[in-house]
Amino acid sequence: MSSNKKMAAAIREAYANYGDDPDDWPEDIKKEIRGQTEEEHTAENNVLRHMILHGYTNKYIAQERSNKPKYIQQLRDRMRKRDELDYQATPDELTQLKYNVKHTNKPNNKGVAGAMHRDKDWVRCMREKLREADNEAQR
């Protein structure tokens, strides 16, 4: 049975057992139904979240993963509201960032972000991390 059919069956069962007003349903039933909805897209969302955490732009993610940029923006906003948006970078990405900062005509965050197809906030956060690492190394 597909997840949509499971979810529809759970909703029909809740209506039959607890009435027409979902506000009157027990909390565990509502959580179960919400959980089934979230599980449906979990694997794809994990990939999208990973790309967002690594600073890729909505447009780039949408092109690579065949999603709508609006959906990516909604996911990014949800992550930001839940305080889950803690940007990350691999050592290779940091090396690429250093290179782009040194060799870009406009080494500001927006210029570097455009060259790397990354969000300018990610570039800002990673440049701060690089500065902190350099300061630690100099001590």
Protein backbone atom coordinates (compact mmCIF):
# COMPACT_ATOMS: atom_id res chain seq x y z
CA MET A 1 0.00 0.00 0.00
CA SER A 2 1.41 3.40 -0.95
CA SER A 3 1.99 6.02 1.72
CA ASN A 4 -0.84 8.18 0.34
CA LYS A 5 -3.27 5.27 0.67
CA LYS A 6 -2.04 4.55 4.21
CA MET A 7 -2.48 8.19 5.15
CA ALA A 8 -5.96 8.33 3.58
CA ALA A 9 -6.94 5.16 5.44
CA ALA A 10 -5.70 6.63 8.74
CA ILE A 11 -7.68 9.82 8.11
CA ARG A 12 -10.85 7.88 7.24
CA GLU A 13 -10.41 5.78 10.39
CA ALA A 14 -9.96 8.90 12.51
CA TYR A 15 -13.12 10.45 11.05
CA ALA A 16 -15.04 7.25 11.73
CA ASN A 17 -13.77 6.85 15.30
CA TYR A 18 -13.48 10.45 16.52
CA GLY A 19 -15.90 12.54 14.48
CA ASP A 20 -15.74 15.26 11.83
CA ASP A 21 -13.71 17.83 13.76
CA PRO A 22 -9.95 17.08 13.71
CA ASP A 23 -9.55 19.37 16.74
CA ASP A 24 -11.41 16.72 18.76
CA TRP A 25 -9.09 13.90 17.67
CA PRO A 26 -6.50 12.58 20.14
CA GLU A 27 -3.07 14.17 19.79
CA ASP A 28 -1.34 10.83 19.07
CA ILE A 29 -3.66 10.20 16.09
CA LYS A 30 -2.91 13.65 14.67
CA LYS A 31 0.84 13.10 15.17
CA GLU A 32 0.64 9.74 13.42
CA ILE A 33 -1.11 11.28 10.40
CA ARG A 34 1.38 14.18 10.30
CA GLY A 35 4.25 11.71 10.57
CA GLN A 36 2.98 9.75 7.58
CA THR A 37 2.83 12.94 5.54
CA GLU A 38 6.40 13.87 6.46
CA GLU A 39 7.73 10.34 5.85
CA GLU A 40 6.54 10.45 2.26
CA HIS A 41 9.16 13.01 1.27
CA THR A 42 11.82 12.27 3.86
CA ALA A 43 14.46 10.75 1.56
CA GLU A 44 14.21 13.54 -1.00
CA ASN A 45 13.98 16.20 1.70
CA ASN A 46 17.16 14.87 3.31
CA VAL A 47 19.01 15.44 0.04
CA LEU A 48 17.48 18.91 -0.32
CA ARG A 49 18.32 19.79 3.30
CA HIS A 50 21.91 18.64 2.77
CA MET A 51 22.22 20.86 -0.29
CA ILE A 52 20.68 23.80 1.59
CA LEU A 53 23.06 23.31 4.53
CA HIS A 54 25.97 23.34 2.09
CA GLY A 55 24.78 26.68 0.75
CA TYR A 56 23.52 25.87 -2.72
CA THR A 57 21.06 28.40 -4.14
CA ASN A 58 17.38 27.59 -4.55
CA LYS A 59 17.71 27.90 -8.32
CA TYR A 60 20.68 25.51 -8.47
CA ILE A 61 18.97 22.92 -6.23
CA ALA A 62 15.78 23.17 -8.28
CA GLN A 63 17.70 22.55 -11.51
CA GLU A 64 19.69 19.63 -10.08
CA ARG A 65 16.80 17.91 -8.28
CA SER A 66 13.88 18.82 -10.61
CA ASN A 67 11.96 20.67 -7.93
CA LYS A 68 10.31 24.07 -8.01
CA PRO A 69 12.40 26.91 -6.53
CA LYS A 70 9.37 27.94 -4.47
CA TYR A 71 9.33 24.54 -2.72
CA ILE A 72 13.06 24.83 -1.98
CA GLN A 73 12.50 28.33 -0.56
CA GLN A 74 9.67 27.05 1.65
CA LEU A 75 11.90 24.25 2.95
CA ARG A 76 14.73 26.73 3.58
CA ASP A 77 12.31 29.05 5.45
CA ARG A 78 11.03 26.14 7.57
CA MET A 79 14.62 25.20 8.43
CA ARG A 80 15.38 28.81 9.34
CA LYS A 81 12.29 29.10 11.56
CA ARG A 82 13.13 25.82 13.33
CA ASP A 83 16.71 27.02 13.80
CA GLU A 84 18.00 24.06 11.76
CA LEU A 85 19.88 26.20 9.26
CA ASP A 86 23.45 25.77 10.48
CA TYR A 87 25.60 26.03 7.36
CA GLN A 88 28.27 23.39 6.79
CA ALA A 89 31.21 22.91 4.46
CA THR A 90 33.58 20.12 3.55
CA PRO A 91 37.33 20.79 3.47
CA ASP A 92 37.14 20.78 -0.34
CA GLU A 93 34.41 23.42 -0.29
CA LEU A 94 36.49 25.59 2.03
CA THR A 95 39.47 25.22 -0.31
CA GLN A 96 37.29 26.22 -3.24
CA LEU A 97 36.00 29.20 -1.25
CA LYS A 98 39.55 30.37 -0.46
CA TYR A 99 40.49 30.09 -4.13
CA ASN A 100 37.43 32.03 -5.27
CA VAL A 101 38.01 34.78 -2.71
CA LYS A 102 41.58 35.24 -3.98
CA HIS A 103 40.82 34.97 -7.72
CA THR A 104 37.43 36.66 -8.13
CA ASN A 105 37.26 40.19 -9.54
CA LYS A 106 34.74 41.18 -6.86
CA PRO A 107 35.69 39.21 -3.76
CA ASN A 108 32.63 40.36 -1.84
CA ASN A 109 30.20 37.71 -0.57
CA LYS A 110 27.73 38.21 -3.41
CA GLY A 111 30.40 37.92 -6.12
CA VAL A 112 31.95 34.80 -4.60
CA ALA A 113 28.50 33.26 -4.05
CA GLY A 114 27.62 33.79 -7.71
CA ALA A 115 30.86 32.18 -8.88
CA MET A 116 30.27 29.17 -6.64
CA HIS A 117 26.46 28.88 -7.16
CA ARG A 118 26.05 29.26 -3.40
CA ASP A 119 23.89 31.36 -1.13
CA LYS A 120 25.60 34.57 -0.03
CA ASP A 121 24.74 33.83 3.61
CA TRP A 122 26.63 30.52 3.32
CA VAL A 123 29.64 32.38 1.90
CA ARG A 124 29.49 34.89 4.76
CA CYS A 125 29.33 32.14 7.40
CA MET A 126 32.12 30.11 5.83
CA ARG A 127 34.36 33.17 5.46
CA GLU A 128 33.83 33.84 9.17
CA LYS A 129 34.84 30.25 9.94
CA LEU A 130 37.94 30.63 7.77
CA ARG A 131 38.87 33.86 9.59
CA GLU A 132 38.41 32.16 12.97
CA ALA A 133 40.57 29.23 11.83
CA ASP A 134 43.28 31.63 10.61
CA ASN A 135 43.18 33.51 13.91
CA GLU A 136 43.50 30.22 15.83
CA ALA A 137 46.44 29.17 13.65
CA GLN A 138 48.26 32.47 14.27
CA ARG A 139 48.07 32.08 18.06
